[in-house]
Amino acid sequence: MYVSFWLPTAVLTAALAIKLPSILKLWRDPLLRAVGGLLLFACAVFVFAAPSTIAWTNRVTGVPNIAAPWVYSLLTALCASWLLLVVHWRNGRTERHAQTRRATRWVIAVYAAVVAALWILFALADVPVEQIRDLDTYYASTPFMRELILLYLTAHTVASLVTSRLVWNWIRTDGLDAWLRWGLRFLGIGFATNLLFSAAKLTAVAARWTGHDLDWLNTNVAPSAACIAATFVAVGFIVPHAGQYLQERWLVRRRHRGLAPLARLMRTVAGSREPLGLRATPEMRLIRRETFIRDTLLQLARRLDESLRTRSYDAALALGFPPGRAQALAAAVTILDAVEAERSAESAVTGRRSAAEPSWPVAQSPAPLQGVADTTYLLQEIQAVSQALRKPEEIKAVRARAAVPAESMSAHER
């Protein structure tokens, strides 16, 4: 039951890399500084708590077990960063700045005193035998080292309890973004799992005091719980950012694909397609497609039959479509009719030119308008119109019904 220390280190580093641009850009924001400190100390804890790094630290310094107070000091600083995070999260409003400052000073003072006490107790303790994995149980009854172990575990337990409780309370807050709520859930699970770390350590130490051997809780369960907890905490910070980013990208690509039917139809009018850049971002490709469609629709505006759109809208309503869908279908029918008129005009011009007759500009050819074309809806709702073009059978039904003379329709159908 062992989880590698390098797994949470990698996930925490990824979370820090995602948050780092915001932290550097908005460095004056105490909440972002608290998040940055939390992720930085968490990475440091797992780097220096790895058995290989513990052995390296002891060997380089020449002091047996000196890695213990160093790792416990980093862990204590990490606990302080948890509390600072919830302090700034809860008291971040302007009117509570004084309360936030007082709470911040208390947290820093108390946990700095704990760190100082850890080093003093280590200096007073006699720990000549190097222990890489089971130091807490091996020296559970050693004077001063016993107090050191209890002190850092107490500081860790208190921070885990307070942070876990506040995070789970925030999860139930109304109006949270879905991705933020999921991030808080992962944070809550992570901070709650930290309590398992403390419980396993304290149980193993207490068993040594009573003459029992539960060292496996200290060597296997506690480290694994710490790794799992840190991974959940890191994921909790990653999920809101990654989720929102992926959702926005998915929506952009969905809008781009949704415009494909209308874009293909406009290419038959323009004789070309929208500019395609291989290195263009999805947002830029979407903008280019939207611009191409709107520009072509404006060229086609002179052939849009407003009366046909009105008849098609009434026909779609009579067929049972809701108003929004009926409006999109009516616009699609009108555009298809305009495209056919444009093609007919171009064919007529081409025929006259081939017969060596005087050619007339396409703009001067007669247009089939029966009313003043209003392109406002077409230019604003190109997504709805493009989606309507995906249903040719619905367009065919609306077009056929719109072609029926108005006087032949019953009053109910009209």
Protein backbone atom coordinates (compact mmCIF):
# COMPACT_ATOMS: atom_id res chain seq x y z
CA MET A 1 0.00 0.00 0.00
CA TYR A 2 2.58 2.52 -1.14
CA VAL A 3 2.09 5.52 -3.41
CA SER A 4 5.13 7.12 -4.99
CA PHE A 5 6.02 10.56 -3.64
CA TRP A 6 6.76 11.72 -7.16
CA LEU A 7 3.16 11.32 -8.36
CA PRO A 8 1.74 14.16 -6.20
CA THR A 9 4.88 16.17 -6.92
CA ALA A 10 4.17 16.01 -10.64
CA VAL A 11 0.48 16.92 -10.22
CA LEU A 12 1.30 19.75 -7.79
CA THR A 13 3.92 21.10 -10.19
CA ALA A 14 1.34 21.08 -13.00
CA ALA A 15 -1.10 22.98 -10.78
CA LEU A 16 1.60 25.51 -9.90
CA ALA A 17 2.50 25.97 -13.57
CA ILE A 18 -1.17 26.64 -14.41
CA LYS A 19 -1.59 29.16 -11.59
CA LEU A 20 1.81 30.84 -11.90
CA PRO A 21 0.92 33.34 -14.69
CA SER A 22 -2.05 34.64 -12.68
CA ILE A 23 0.02 34.77 -9.48
CA LEU A 24 2.80 36.78 -11.13
CA LYS A 25 0.37 39.09 -12.92
CA LEU A 26 -1.75 39.76 -9.82
CA TRP A 27 0.95 39.45 -7.18
CA ARG A 28 -0.72 42.02 -4.92
CA ASP A 29 -3.73 39.75 -4.50
CA PRO A 30 -3.20 38.00 -1.12
CA LEU A 31 -5.48 35.12 -2.10
CA LEU A 32 -3.37 34.28 -5.14
CA ARG A 33 -0.20 34.60 -3.06
CA ALA A 34 -1.68 32.13 -0.57
CA VAL A 35 -2.47 29.70 -3.39
CA GLY A 36 1.05 30.06 -4.76
CA GLY A 37 2.59 29.50 -1.33
CA LEU A 38 0.43 26.45 -0.77
CA LEU A 39 1.43 24.81 -4.05
CA LEU A 40 5.10 25.74 -3.63
CA PHE A 41 5.35 24.35 -0.09
CA ALA A 42 3.40 21.23 -1.11
CA CYS A 43 5.88 20.55 -3.92
CA ALA A 44 8.79 21.10 -1.54
CA VAL A 45 7.32 18.74 1.07
CA PHE A 46 7.05 15.83 -1.33
CA VAL A 47 10.42 16.46 -2.92
CA PHE A 48 12.24 16.46 0.44
CA ALA A 49 10.03 13.77 2.03
CA ALA A 50 10.93 11.21 -0.61
CA PRO A 51 13.13 8.51 0.98
CA SER A 52 15.93 9.07 -1.53
CA THR A 53 15.96 12.81 -0.80
CA ILE A 54 15.92 12.18 2.97
CA ALA A 55 18.99 9.97 2.67
CA TRP A 56 20.69 12.58 0.46
CA THR A 57 19.97 15.42 2.92
CA ASN A 58 21.36 13.46 5.87
CA ARG A 59 24.46 12.49 3.90
CA VAL A 60 25.20 16.00 2.57
CA THR A 61 24.81 17.71 5.97
CA GLY A 62 26.53 14.93 7.90
CA VAL A 63 23.87 15.12 10.64
CA PRO A 64 21.82 11.93 11.18
CA ASN A 65 18.06 12.51 10.74
CA ILE A 66 18.37 16.26 10.16
CA ALA A 67 15.97 15.77 7.26
CA ALA A 68 13.21 15.20 9.86
CA PRO A 69 12.97 18.75 11.25
CA TRP A 70 13.49 20.14 7.75
CA VAL A 71 10.62 18.12 6.25
CA TYR A 72 8.41 18.79 9.30
CA SER A 73 9.15 22.51 9.02
CA LEU A 74 8.07 22.48 5.37
CA LEU A 75 4.95 20.53 6.34
CA THR A 76 4.17 23.06 9.06
CA ALA A 77 4.61 25.92 6.60
CA LEU A 78 2.27 24.07 4.24
CA CYS A 79 -0.33 23.83 7.02
CA ALA A 80 0.01 27.57 7.62
CA SER A 81 -0.57 28.20 3.90
CA TRP A 82 -3.81 26.16 4.10
CA LEU A 83 -5.06 28.38 6.89
CA LEU A 84 -3.94 31.56 5.14
CA LEU A 85 -5.82 30.44 2.04
CA VAL A 86 -9.11 30.01 3.92
CA VAL A 87 -8.55 33.24 5.86
CA HIS A 88 -8.19 35.27 2.66
CA TRP A 89 -10.95 33.30 0.96
CA ARG A 90 -13.43 33.90 3.74
CA ASN A 91 -12.41 37.44 4.74
CA GLY A 92 -11.39 38.78 1.34
CA ARG A 93 -13.99 41.55 1.20
CA THR A 94 -12.75 45.11 1.58
CA GLU A 95 -14.68 45.81 4.76
CA ARG A 96 -12.96 42.86 6.47
CA HIS A 97 -9.35 43.73 5.65
CA ALA A 98 -8.52 44.49 9.31
CA GLN A 99 -9.86 41.12 10.42
CA THR A 100 -7.95 39.41 7.63
CA ARG A 101 -4.70 41.07 8.67
CA ARG A 102 -5.16 40.05 12.30
CA ALA A 103 -5.92 36.46 11.38
CA THR A 104 -2.96 36.38 9.00
CA ARG A 105 -0.58 37.64 11.70
CA TRP A 106 -1.88 35.04 14.16
CA VAL A 107 -1.43 32.17 11.74
CA ILE A 108 2.09 33.26 10.76
CA ALA A 109 3.14 33.86 14.37
CA VAL A 110 1.79 30.56 15.71
CA TYR A 111 3.17 28.37 12.94
CA ALA A 112 6.52 30.20 12.89
CA ALA A 113 6.77 29.47 16.62
CA VAL A 114 6.00 25.80 15.87
CA VAL A 115 8.82 25.69 13.30
CA ALA A 116 11.26 27.27 15.75
CA ALA A 117 10.22 24.81 18.45
CA LEU A 118 10.78 21.89 16.08
CA TRP A 119 14.42 22.84 15.57
CA ILE A 120 15.01 23.49 19.26
CA LEU A 121 13.55 20.10 20.22
CA PHE A 122 15.61 18.36 17.54
CA ALA A 123 18.78 20.00 18.85
CA LEU A 124 17.97 18.71 22.35
CA ALA A 125 17.04 15.19 21.22
CA ASP A 126 19.46 12.29 20.95
CA VAL A 127 18.78 10.61 17.58
CA PRO A 128 22.04 9.02 16.40
CA VAL A 129 20.53 6.16 14.36
CA GLU A 130 19.39 7.24 10.89
CA GLN A 131 15.81 6.33 10.04
CA ILE A 132 14.57 6.91 6.50
CA ARG A 133 10.96 5.64 6.65
CA ASP A 134 9.97 5.00 10.25
CA LEU A 135 11.55 7.77 12.29
CA ASP A 136 8.33 8.72 14.11
CA THR A 137 7.74 5.26 15.56
CA TYR A 138 11.41 4.46 16.14
CA TYR A 139 11.89 7.59 18.27
CA ALA A 140 8.33 7.73 19.62
CA SER A 141 9.51 7.47 23.24
CA THR A 142 12.77 9.44 22.90
CA PRO A 143 12.78 12.63 25.04
CA PHE A 144 12.37 15.83 23.07
CA MET A 145 11.93 13.86 19.84
CA ARG A 146 8.64 12.63 21.23
CA GLU A 147 7.51 16.22 21.80
CA LEU A 148 8.72 17.20 18.31
CA ILE A 149 6.61 14.48 16.70
CA LEU A 150 3.51 15.38 18.71
CA LEU A 151 3.97 19.09 17.98
CA TYR A 152 4.09 18.82 14.19
CA LEU A 153 1.26 16.28 14.10
CA THR A 154 -0.92 18.53 16.27
CA ALA A 155 -0.25 21.52 14.01
CA HIS A 156 -1.07 19.38 10.97
CA THR A 157 -4.28 17.98 12.47
CA VAL A 158 -5.61 21.40 13.51
CA ALA A 159 -4.95 22.89 10.06
CA SER A 160 -6.55 19.90 8.32
CA LEU A 161 -9.68 20.07 10.49
CA VAL A 162 -10.20 23.81 10.06
CA THR A 163 -9.50 23.85 6.33
CA SER A 164 -11.58 20.76 5.58
CA ARG A 165 -14.59 22.09 7.48
CA LEU A 166 -14.54 25.49 5.78
CA VAL A 167 -14.09 24.03 2.30
CA TRP A 168 -17.03 21.65 2.70
CA ASN A 169 -19.13 24.59 3.92
CA TRP A 170 -18.24 26.57 0.79
CA ILE A 171 -19.25 23.69 -1.47
CA ARG A 172 -22.85 24.22 -0.36
CA THR A 173 -22.76 27.94 -1.25
CA ASP A 174 -25.33 28.98 -3.84
CA GLY A 175 -24.32 30.52 -7.16
CA LEU A 176 -20.96 28.78 -7.60
CA ASP A 177 -19.70 27.96 -11.07
CA ALA A 178 -19.97 24.21 -11.76
CA TRP A 179 -16.23 23.85 -12.37
CA LEU A 180 -15.41 25.79 -9.20
CA ARG A 181 -17.78 23.57 -7.21
CA TRP A 182 -16.04 20.46 -8.54
CA GLY A 183 -12.68 22.00 -7.67
CA LEU A 184 -13.87 22.61 -4.12
CA ARG A 185 -15.07 19.01 -3.88
CA PHE A 186 -11.59 17.76 -4.78
CA LEU A 187 -10.05 20.20 -2.29
CA GLY A 188 -12.45 19.01 0.41
CA ILE A 189 -11.57 15.37 -0.23
CA GLY A 190 -7.87 16.23 -0.19
CA PHE A 191 -7.96 18.14 3.09
CA ALA A 192 -10.15 15.45 4.68
CA THR A 193 -7.70 12.75 3.57
CA ASN A 194 -4.94 14.67 5.36
CA LEU A 195 -6.72 13.75 8.58
CA LEU A 196 -6.06 10.09 7.75
CA PHE A 197 -2.34 10.92 7.60
CA SER A 198 -2.41 12.43 11.10
CA ALA A 199 -4.60 9.65 12.47
CA ALA A 200 -2.32 6.91 11.12
CA LYS A 201 0.79 8.61 12.49
CA LEU A 202 -0.69 9.30 15.93
CA THR A 203 -2.07 5.76 16.20
CA ALA A 204 1.30 4.22 15.34
CA VAL A 205 3.10 6.45 17.86
CA ALA A 206 0.54 5.77 20.61
CA ALA A 207 0.88 2.01 19.93
CA ARG A 208 4.62 2.28 20.59
CA TRP A 209 3.90 3.97 23.91
CA THR A 210 1.69 1.06 24.97
CA GLY A 211 4.11 -1.62 23.81
CA HIS A 212 2.36 -2.54 20.56
CA ASP A 213 3.65 -2.55 17.01
CA LEU A 214 1.52 -0.73 14.42
CA ASP A 215 4.47 0.69 12.52
CA TRP A 216 2.85 -0.24 9.18
CA LEU A 217 0.44 2.65 9.74
CA ASN A 218 3.41 5.02 9.84
CA THR A 219 5.43 3.48 7.01
CA ASN A 220 2.64 2.58 4.56
CA VAL A 221 -0.76 4.13 5.34
CA ALA A 222 0.36 7.63 6.36
CA PRO A 223 2.64 8.31 3.35
CA SER A 224 0.05 6.93 0.93
CA ALA A 225 -2.69 9.05 2.52
CA ALA A 226 -0.48 12.14 2.21
CA CYS A 227 0.20 11.43 -1.48
CA ILE A 228 -3.48 10.86 -2.25
CA ALA A 229 -4.48 13.98 -0.31
CA ALA A 230 -1.95 16.15 -2.13
CA THR A 231 -3.06 14.79 -5.49
CA PHE A 232 -6.69 15.64 -4.74
CA VAL A 233 -5.71 19.14 -3.59
CA ALA A 234 -3.69 19.72 -6.76
CA VAL A 235 -6.56 18.46 -8.92
CA GLY A 236 -8.87 20.78 -6.99
CA PHE A 237 -6.82 23.75 -8.17
CA ILE A 238 -6.48 22.42 -11.72
CA VAL A 239 -10.13 21.50 -12.39
CA PRO A 240 -11.66 25.04 -12.42
CA HIS A 241 -9.02 26.39 -14.81
CA ALA A 242 -8.70 23.36 -17.05
CA GLY A 243 -12.45 22.76 -17.08
CA GLN A 244 -13.32 26.31 -18.06
CA TYR A 245 -10.56 26.39 -20.68
CA LEU A 246 -11.65 23.09 -22.26
CA GLN A 247 -15.31 24.09 -22.13
CA GLU A 248 -14.60 27.37 -23.90
CA ARG A 249 -12.52 25.58 -26.54
CA TRP A 250 -15.25 22.99 -27.04
CA LEU A 251 -17.90 25.70 -27.44
CA VAL A 252 -15.75 27.53 -30.00
CA ARG A 253 -15.19 24.36 -32.03
CA ARG A 254 -18.87 23.50 -31.75
CA ARG A 255 -19.86 26.92 -33.10
CA HIS A 256 -17.34 26.54 -35.93
CA ARG A 257 -18.72 23.13 -36.91
CA GLY A 258 -22.29 24.39 -36.52
CA LEU A 259 -21.69 27.04 -39.19
CA ALA A 260 -20.42 24.49 -41.74
CA PRO A 261 -23.74 24.05 -43.66
CA LEU A 262 -24.26 27.80 -44.10
CA ALA A 263 -20.58 28.32 -44.97
CA ARG A 264 -20.79 25.66 -47.71
CA LEU A 265 -23.87 27.33 -49.14
CA MET A 266 -22.20 30.75 -49.13
CA ARG A 267 -19.19 29.35 -50.98
CA THR A 268 -21.44 28.63 -53.97
CA VAL A 269 -22.30 32.33 -54.06
CA ALA A 270 -18.88 33.82 -53.33
CA GLY A 271 -16.99 31.30 -55.46
CA SER A 272 -14.41 30.91 -52.70
CA ARG A 273 -14.14 29.93 -49.05
CA GLU A 274 -13.10 31.72 -45.89
CA PRO A 275 -9.34 32.23 -45.38
CA LEU A 276 -7.79 29.14 -43.81
CA GLY A 277 -4.69 29.51 -41.64
CA LEU A 278 -3.03 26.28 -40.53
CA ARG A 279 -1.65 27.97 -37.43
CA ALA A 280 -4.76 30.01 -36.67
CA THR A 281 -6.35 29.50 -33.27
CA PRO A 282 -9.87 28.02 -33.07
CA GLU A 283 -11.17 31.44 -32.08
CA MET A 284 -9.60 33.03 -35.17
CA ARG A 285 -11.02 30.33 -37.46
CA LEU A 286 -14.48 30.93 -35.99
CA ILE A 287 -14.18 34.69 -36.52
CA ARG A 288 -13.07 34.19 -40.12
CA ARG A 289 -15.97 31.86 -40.86
CA GLU A 290 -18.52 34.21 -39.27
CA THR A 291 -17.09 37.19 -41.18
CA PHE A 292 -17.13 35.26 -44.47
CA ILE A 293 -20.77 34.23 -43.98
CA ARG A 294 -21.95 37.71 -43.04
CA ASP A 295 -20.08 39.38 -45.91
CA THR A 296 -21.59 36.94 -48.41
CA LEU A 297 -25.08 37.40 -46.94
CA LEU A 298 -24.72 41.15 -47.42
CA GLN A 299 -23.85 40.55 -51.10
CA LEU A 300 -26.93 38.36 -51.35
CA ALA A 301 -29.21 40.85 -49.60
CA ARG A 302 -30.52 42.34 -52.86
CA ARG A 303 -32.12 39.00 -53.72
CA LEU A 304 -33.70 38.23 -50.35
CA ASP A 305 -37.49 38.08 -50.63
CA GLU A 306 -38.99 39.45 -47.43
CA SER A 307 -42.50 38.36 -48.37
CA LEU A 308 -41.25 34.79 -48.89
CA ARG A 309 -39.73 34.80 -45.45
CA THR A 310 -43.01 35.98 -43.95
CA ARG A 311 -44.93 33.23 -45.73
CA SER A 312 -42.35 30.64 -44.75
CA TYR A 313 -42.51 31.71 -41.11
CA ASP A 314 -46.30 31.36 -41.09
CA ALA A 315 -45.98 27.99 -42.83
CA ALA A 316 -43.47 26.74 -40.26
CA LEU A 317 -45.76 27.80 -37.42
CA ALA A 318 -48.65 26.01 -39.11
CA LEU A 319 -46.53 22.87 -39.31
CA GLY A 320 -46.07 22.96 -35.54
CA PHE A 321 -42.57 24.36 -35.21
CA PRO A 322 -41.87 26.69 -32.24
CA PRO A 323 -41.36 30.39 -33.07
CA GLY A 324 -37.57 30.30 -32.78
CA ARG A 325 -37.20 27.27 -35.03
CA ALA A 326 -39.81 28.64 -37.41
CA GLN A 327 -37.86 31.87 -37.79
CA ALA A 328 -34.64 29.96 -38.56
CA LEU A 329 -36.38 27.73 -41.10
CA ALA A 330 -37.98 30.74 -42.79
CA ALA A 331 -34.59 32.42 -43.06
CA ALA A 332 -33.09 29.25 -44.52
CA VAL A 333 -35.83 29.03 -47.16
CA THR A 334 -35.31 32.69 -48.06
CA ILE A 335 -31.54 32.26 -48.39
CA LEU A 336 -31.88 29.16 -50.55
CA ASP A 337 -34.29 31.03 -52.81
CA ALA A 338 -31.88 33.97 -53.05
CA VAL A 339 -28.98 31.64 -53.87
CA GLU A 340 -31.00 30.07 -56.69
CA ALA A 341 -31.91 33.52 -58.01
CA GLU A 342 -28.25 34.54 -57.92
CA ARG A 343 -27.22 31.44 -59.83
CA SER A 344 -29.93 32.04 -62.44
CA ALA A 345 -28.80 35.63 -62.90
CA GLU A 346 -25.19 34.55 -63.32
CA SER A 347 -26.19 31.88 -65.83
CA ALA A 348 -28.17 34.45 -67.84
CA VAL A 349 -25.22 36.86 -67.88
CA THR A 350 -22.87 34.07 -68.95
CA GLY A 351 -25.26 33.11 -71.76
CA ARG A 352 -25.47 36.68 -73.11
CA ARG A 353 -21.71 37.00 -73.06
CA SER A 354 -21.26 33.75 -74.95
CA ALA A 355 -23.69 35.02 -77.63
CA ALA A 356 -21.60 38.18 -77.99
CA GLU A 357 -24.43 40.30 -76.75
CA PRO A 358 -23.89 43.36 -74.58
CA SER A 359 -23.35 42.17 -71.04
CA TRP A 360 -24.91 43.77 -68.04
CA PRO A 361 -23.36 43.84 -64.61
CA VAL A 362 -24.89 41.32 -62.24
CA ALA A 363 -25.82 44.11 -59.86
CA GLN A 364 -28.12 45.54 -62.55
CA SER A 365 -30.02 42.32 -63.20
CA PRO A 366 -33.59 42.32 -62.00
CA ALA A 367 -34.08 41.08 -58.45
CA PRO A 368 -37.13 39.12 -57.34
CA LEU A 369 -37.80 41.27 -54.30
CA GLN A 370 -41.37 41.78 -53.21
CA GLY A 371 -40.49 43.66 -50.04
CA VAL A 372 -37.57 45.43 -48.40
CA ALA A 373 -35.13 42.80 -47.13
CA ASP A 374 -34.29 42.94 -43.43
CA THR A 375 -30.92 41.23 -42.86
CA THR A 376 -30.72 41.93 -39.12
CA TYR A 377 -31.91 38.49 -38.07
CA LEU A 378 -29.81 36.73 -40.71
CA LEU A 379 -26.61 38.46 -39.65
CA GLN A 380 -27.19 37.94 -35.92
CA GLU A 381 -28.56 34.37 -35.92
CA ILE A 382 -26.33 32.63 -38.41
CA GLN A 383 -25.91 29.70 -36.01
CA ALA A 384 -29.68 29.03 -35.91
CA VAL A 385 -29.97 29.38 -39.69
CA SER A 386 -27.03 27.02 -40.26
CA GLN A 387 -28.58 24.45 -37.92
CA ALA A 388 -31.83 24.71 -39.89
CA LEU A 389 -29.94 23.87 -43.09
CA ARG A 390 -29.02 20.51 -41.51
CA LYS A 391 -32.69 19.47 -41.83
CA PRO A 392 -33.47 19.58 -45.59
CA GLU A 393 -36.70 17.64 -45.09
CA GLU A 394 -38.04 20.35 -42.75
CA ILE A 395 -37.00 23.08 -45.18
CA LYS A 396 -38.70 21.19 -48.02
CA ALA A 397 -41.94 20.93 -46.03
CA VAL A 398 -41.91 24.63 -45.11
CA ARG A 399 -41.07 25.64 -48.67
CA ALA A 400 -43.89 23.56 -50.10
CA ARG A 401 -46.42 24.95 -47.67
CA ALA A 402 -45.23 28.53 -48.23
CA ALA A 403 -45.80 28.07 -51.97
CA VAL A 404 -49.53 27.41 -51.42
CA PRO A 405 -51.58 30.55 -52.16
CA ALA A 406 -52.63 32.27 -48.96
CA GLU A 407 -56.33 32.28 -49.92
CA SER A 408 -56.38 28.49 -50.21
CA MET A 409 -55.32 28.07 -46.59
CA SER A 410 -57.87 27.85 -43.82
CA ALA A 411 -58.11 30.54 -41.24
CA HIS A 412 -56.76 28.13 -38.65
CA GLU A 413 -53.70 27.23 -40.73
CA ARG A 414 -52.99 30.90 -41.37
